[in-house]
Amino acid sequence: MEAEGWRVKVTQASRDGGIDVVATKSDETLGEIRSVWQAKKYRPTNKVKLSEVRELSAVCEAERATKGVMVTTSRLTRDAIEWVKRDIYRLGYKEHDHVKRWIEGVVWGQTQPSQTND
């Protein structure tokens, strides 16, 4: 994220309110943007549930963040994705293969990351 111009703070494991990363960025048009990120390292069979996305939504509101993003090595359930899509301007997600492409593209410069959630 720093390579993309974000100021990044990784939170401590405890008492973070479910937040793993707080990233801020100054946008010439919009001004300050604050995003909170929650990471879930799950097995492929363990999907991120609707309740976890709702929790992120609440944390986003409490932290007065512009955007909350769920990142997982697995996938989100259908209900969780529908929740994100209903609040697309405040929530986002990156799952499974998209995380891999994002790392390859941004960190290692191999490919450009996709702008969509696959």
C-alpha atoms as a PDB file:
ATOM      1  CA  MET A   1       0.000   0.000   0.000  1.00  0.00           C
ATOM      2  CA  GLU A   2       2.896   2.334   0.694  1.00  0.00           C
ATOM      3  CA  ALA A   3       4.008   1.772  -2.909  1.00  0.00           C
ATOM      4  CA  GLU A   4       0.603   3.153  -3.927  1.00  0.00           C
ATOM      5  CA  GLY A   5       1.059   6.316  -1.833  1.00  0.00           C
ATOM      6  CA  TRP A   6      -0.686   5.283   1.389  1.00  0.00           C
ATOM      7  CA  ARG A   7       0.582   6.010   4.900  1.00  0.00           C
ATOM      8  CA  VAL A   8       0.200   2.658   6.636  1.00  0.00           C
ATOM      9  CA  LYS A   9      -0.047   1.677  10.288  1.00  0.00           C
ATOM     10  CA  VAL A  10      -0.224  -2.020  11.197  1.00  0.00           C
ATOM     11  CA  THR A  11      -2.119  -2.424  14.463  1.00  0.00           C
ATOM     12  CA  GLN A  12      -1.145  -4.657  17.359  1.00  0.00           C
ATOM     13  CA  ALA A  13      -2.795  -8.051  17.602  1.00  0.00           C
ATOM     14  CA  SER A  14      -4.895  -7.270  20.650  1.00  0.00           C
ATOM     15  CA  ARG A  15      -7.466  -4.566  21.262  1.00  0.00           C
ATOM     16  CA  ASP A  16      -7.492  -3.458  17.646  1.00  0.00           C
ATOM     17  CA  GLY A  17     -11.266  -3.681  17.292  1.00  0.00           C
ATOM     18  CA  GLY A  18     -10.859  -6.063  14.389  1.00  0.00           C
ATOM     19  CA  ILE A  19      -8.633  -3.677  12.465  1.00  0.00           C
ATOM     20  CA  ASP A  20      -5.308  -4.992  11.186  1.00  0.00           C
ATOM     21  CA  VAL A  21      -4.236  -1.987   9.109  1.00  0.00           C
ATOM     22  CA  VAL A  22      -5.137   1.697   9.106  1.00  0.00           C
ATOM     23  CA  ALA A  23      -4.138   3.444   5.902  1.00  0.00           C
ATOM     24  CA  THR A  24      -4.496   7.111   5.058  1.00  0.00           C
ATOM     25  CA  LYS A  25      -3.892   9.020   1.885  1.00  0.00           C
ATOM     26  CA  SER A  26      -4.255  12.596   0.709  1.00  0.00           C
ATOM     27  CA  ASP A  27      -6.226  12.869  -2.496  1.00  0.00           C
ATOM     28  CA  GLU A  28      -5.970  16.088  -4.461  1.00  0.00           C
ATOM     29  CA  THR A  29      -9.707  16.154  -5.131  1.00  0.00           C
ATOM     30  CA  LEU A  30     -11.239  14.429  -2.109  1.00  0.00           C
ATOM     31  CA  GLY A  31      -8.806  15.399   0.640  1.00  0.00           C
ATOM     32  CA  GLU A  32      -7.903  12.923   3.376  1.00  0.00           C
ATOM     33  CA  ILE A  33      -8.999   9.312   2.948  1.00  0.00           C
ATOM     34  CA  ARG A  34      -8.879   6.893   5.884  1.00  0.00           C
ATOM     35  CA  SER A  35      -9.302   3.170   5.324  1.00  0.00           C
ATOM     36  CA  VAL A  36      -9.401   0.334   7.815  1.00  0.00           C
ATOM     37  CA  TRP A  37      -8.428  -3.161   6.739  1.00  0.00           C
ATOM     38  CA  GLN A  38      -9.214  -6.492   8.333  1.00  0.00           C
ATOM     39  CA  ALA A  39      -7.267  -9.571   7.252  1.00  0.00           C
ATOM     40  CA  LYS A  40      -8.489 -13.142   7.597  1.00  0.00           C
ATOM     41  CA  LYS A  41      -6.012 -15.942   6.895  1.00  0.00           C
ATOM     42  CA  TYR A  42      -8.429 -18.807   6.378  1.00  0.00           C
ATOM     43  CA  ARG A  43      -8.318 -22.202   4.719  1.00  0.00           C
ATOM     44  CA  PRO A  44     -10.181 -22.334   1.390  1.00  0.00           C
ATOM     45  CA  THR A  45     -13.089 -24.155   3.038  1.00  0.00           C
ATOM     46  CA  ASN A  46     -13.497 -21.514   5.768  1.00  0.00           C
ATOM     47  CA  LYS A  47     -15.209 -18.505   4.206  1.00  0.00           C
ATOM     48  CA  VAL A  48     -15.585 -15.026   5.670  1.00  0.00           C
ATOM     49  CA  LYS A  49     -19.119 -14.806   7.012  1.00  0.00           C
ATOM     50  CA  LEU A  50     -21.721 -12.069   6.883  1.00  0.00           C
ATOM     51  CA  SER A  51     -21.294 -11.439  10.627  1.00  0.00           C
ATOM     52  CA  GLU A  52     -17.592 -10.648  10.098  1.00  0.00           C
ATOM     53  CA  VAL A  53     -18.384  -8.162   7.333  1.00  0.00           C
ATOM     54  CA  ARG A  54     -21.052  -6.539   9.509  1.00  0.00           C
ATOM     55  CA  GLU A  55     -18.474  -6.231  12.283  1.00  0.00           C
ATOM     56  CA  LEU A  56     -16.089  -4.512   9.877  1.00  0.00           C
ATOM     57  CA  SER A  57     -18.896  -2.175   8.851  1.00  0.00           C
ATOM     58  CA  ALA A  58     -19.464  -1.226  12.499  1.00  0.00           C
ATOM     59  CA  VAL A  59     -15.745  -0.716  13.109  1.00  0.00           C
ATOM     60  CA  CYS A  60     -15.534   1.425   9.989  1.00  0.00           C
ATOM     61  CA  GLU A  61     -18.309   3.623  11.355  1.00  0.00           C
ATOM     62  CA  ALA A  62     -16.807   3.795  14.853  1.00  0.00           C
ATOM     63  CA  GLU A  63     -13.378   4.720  13.464  1.00  0.00           C
ATOM     64  CA  ARG A  64     -14.939   7.286  11.112  1.00  0.00           C
ATOM     65  CA  ALA A  65     -13.139   5.617   8.218  1.00  0.00           C
ATOM     66  CA  THR A  66     -13.866   6.446   4.613  1.00  0.00           C
ATOM     67  CA  LYS A  67     -13.664   2.765   3.622  1.00  0.00           C
ATOM     68  CA  GLY A  68     -13.402  -0.631   5.292  1.00  0.00           C
ATOM     69  CA  VAL A  69     -11.777  -3.479   3.381  1.00  0.00           C
ATOM     70  CA  MET A  70     -11.886  -7.199   4.160  1.00  0.00           C
ATOM     71  CA  VAL A  71      -8.888  -9.143   2.851  1.00  0.00           C
ATOM     72  CA  THR A  72      -8.806 -12.930   2.948  1.00  0.00           C
ATOM     73  CA  THR A  73      -6.822 -15.856   1.625  1.00  0.00           C
ATOM     74  CA  SER A  74     -10.174 -17.630   1.289  1.00  0.00           C
ATOM     75  CA  ARG A  75     -13.457 -16.232  -0.034  1.00  0.00           C
ATOM     76  CA  LEU A  76     -16.499 -14.422   1.304  1.00  0.00           C
ATOM     77  CA  THR A  77     -19.880 -16.113   1.567  1.00  0.00           C
ATOM     78  CA  ARG A  78     -22.577 -15.028  -0.874  1.00  0.00           C
ATOM     79  CA  ASP A  79     -24.390 -13.125   1.899  1.00  0.00           C
ATOM     80  CA  ALA A  80     -21.189 -11.317   2.882  1.00  0.00           C
ATOM     81  CA  ILE A  81     -20.573 -10.246  -0.719  1.00  0.00           C
ATOM     82  CA  GLU A  82     -24.151  -8.995  -1.038  1.00  0.00           C
ATOM     83  CA  TRP A  83     -23.685  -6.898   2.126  1.00  0.00           C
ATOM     84  CA  VAL A  84     -20.508  -5.336   0.707  1.00  0.00           C
ATOM     85  CA  LYS A  85     -22.202  -4.607  -2.604  1.00  0.00           C
ATOM     86  CA  ARG A  86     -25.086  -2.846  -0.835  1.00  0.00           C
ATOM     87  CA  ASP A  87     -22.563  -0.533   0.827  1.00  0.00           C
ATOM     88  CA  ILE A  88     -19.977  -0.421  -1.974  1.00  0.00           C
ATOM     89  CA  TYR A  89     -18.935   3.169  -1.239  1.00  0.00           C
ATOM     90  CA  ARG A  90     -17.973   2.301   2.361  1.00  0.00           C
ATOM     91  CA  LEU A  91     -16.908  -1.363   2.089  1.00  0.00           C
ATOM     92  CA  GLY A  92     -14.704  -3.429  -0.170  1.00  0.00           C
ATOM     93  CA  TYR A  93     -13.024  -6.800  -0.259  1.00  0.00           C
ATOM     94  CA  LYS A  94     -10.099  -8.642  -1.761  1.00  0.00           C
ATOM     95  CA  GLU A  95     -10.193 -12.400  -1.729  1.00  0.00           C
ATOM     96  CA  HIS A  96      -8.159 -15.440  -2.734  1.00  0.00           C
ATOM     97  CA  ASP A  97      -6.614 -15.014  -6.217  1.00  0.00           C
ATOM     98  CA  HIS A  98      -7.099 -11.237  -6.199  1.00  0.00           C
ATOM     99  CA  VAL A  99      -4.849 -10.984  -3.123  1.00  0.00           C
ATOM    100  CA  LYS A 100      -2.144 -12.971  -4.939  1.00  0.00           C
ATOM    101  CA  ARG A 101      -2.384 -10.797  -8.079  1.00  0.00           C
ATOM    102  CA  TRP A 102      -2.390  -7.635  -5.958  1.00  0.00           C
ATOM    103  CA  ILE A 103       0.810  -8.676  -4.177  1.00  0.00           C
ATOM    104  CA  GLU A 104       2.491  -9.703  -7.414  1.00  0.00           C
ATOM    105  CA  GLY A 105       1.461  -6.512  -9.168  1.00  0.00           C
ATOM    106  CA  VAL A 106       2.085  -3.925  -6.505  1.00  0.00           C
ATOM    107  CA  VAL A 107       4.879  -5.417  -4.437  1.00  0.00           C
ATOM    108  CA  TRP A 108       6.809  -7.359  -7.034  1.00  0.00           C
ATOM    109  CA  GLY A 109       5.822  -5.343 -10.098  1.00  0.00           C
ATOM    110  CA  GLN A 110       4.983  -8.431 -12.153  1.00  0.00           C
ATOM    111  CA  THR A 111       1.467  -7.520 -13.275  1.00  0.00           C
ATOM    112  CA  GLN A 112      -1.000  -4.746 -12.749  1.00  0.00           C
ATOM    113  CA  PRO A 113      -3.595  -5.577 -10.077  1.00  0.00           C
ATOM    114  CA  SER A 114      -7.200  -5.921 -11.158  1.00  0.00           C
ATOM    115  CA  GLN A 115      -9.584  -3.215  -9.954  1.00  0.00           C
ATOM    116  CA  THR A 116     -12.419  -5.701  -9.531  1.00  0.00           C
ATOM    117  CA  ASN A 117     -13.155  -8.175  -6.793  1.00  0.00           C
ATOM    118  CA  ASP A 118     -12.891 -11.666  -8.280  1.00  0.00           C
END
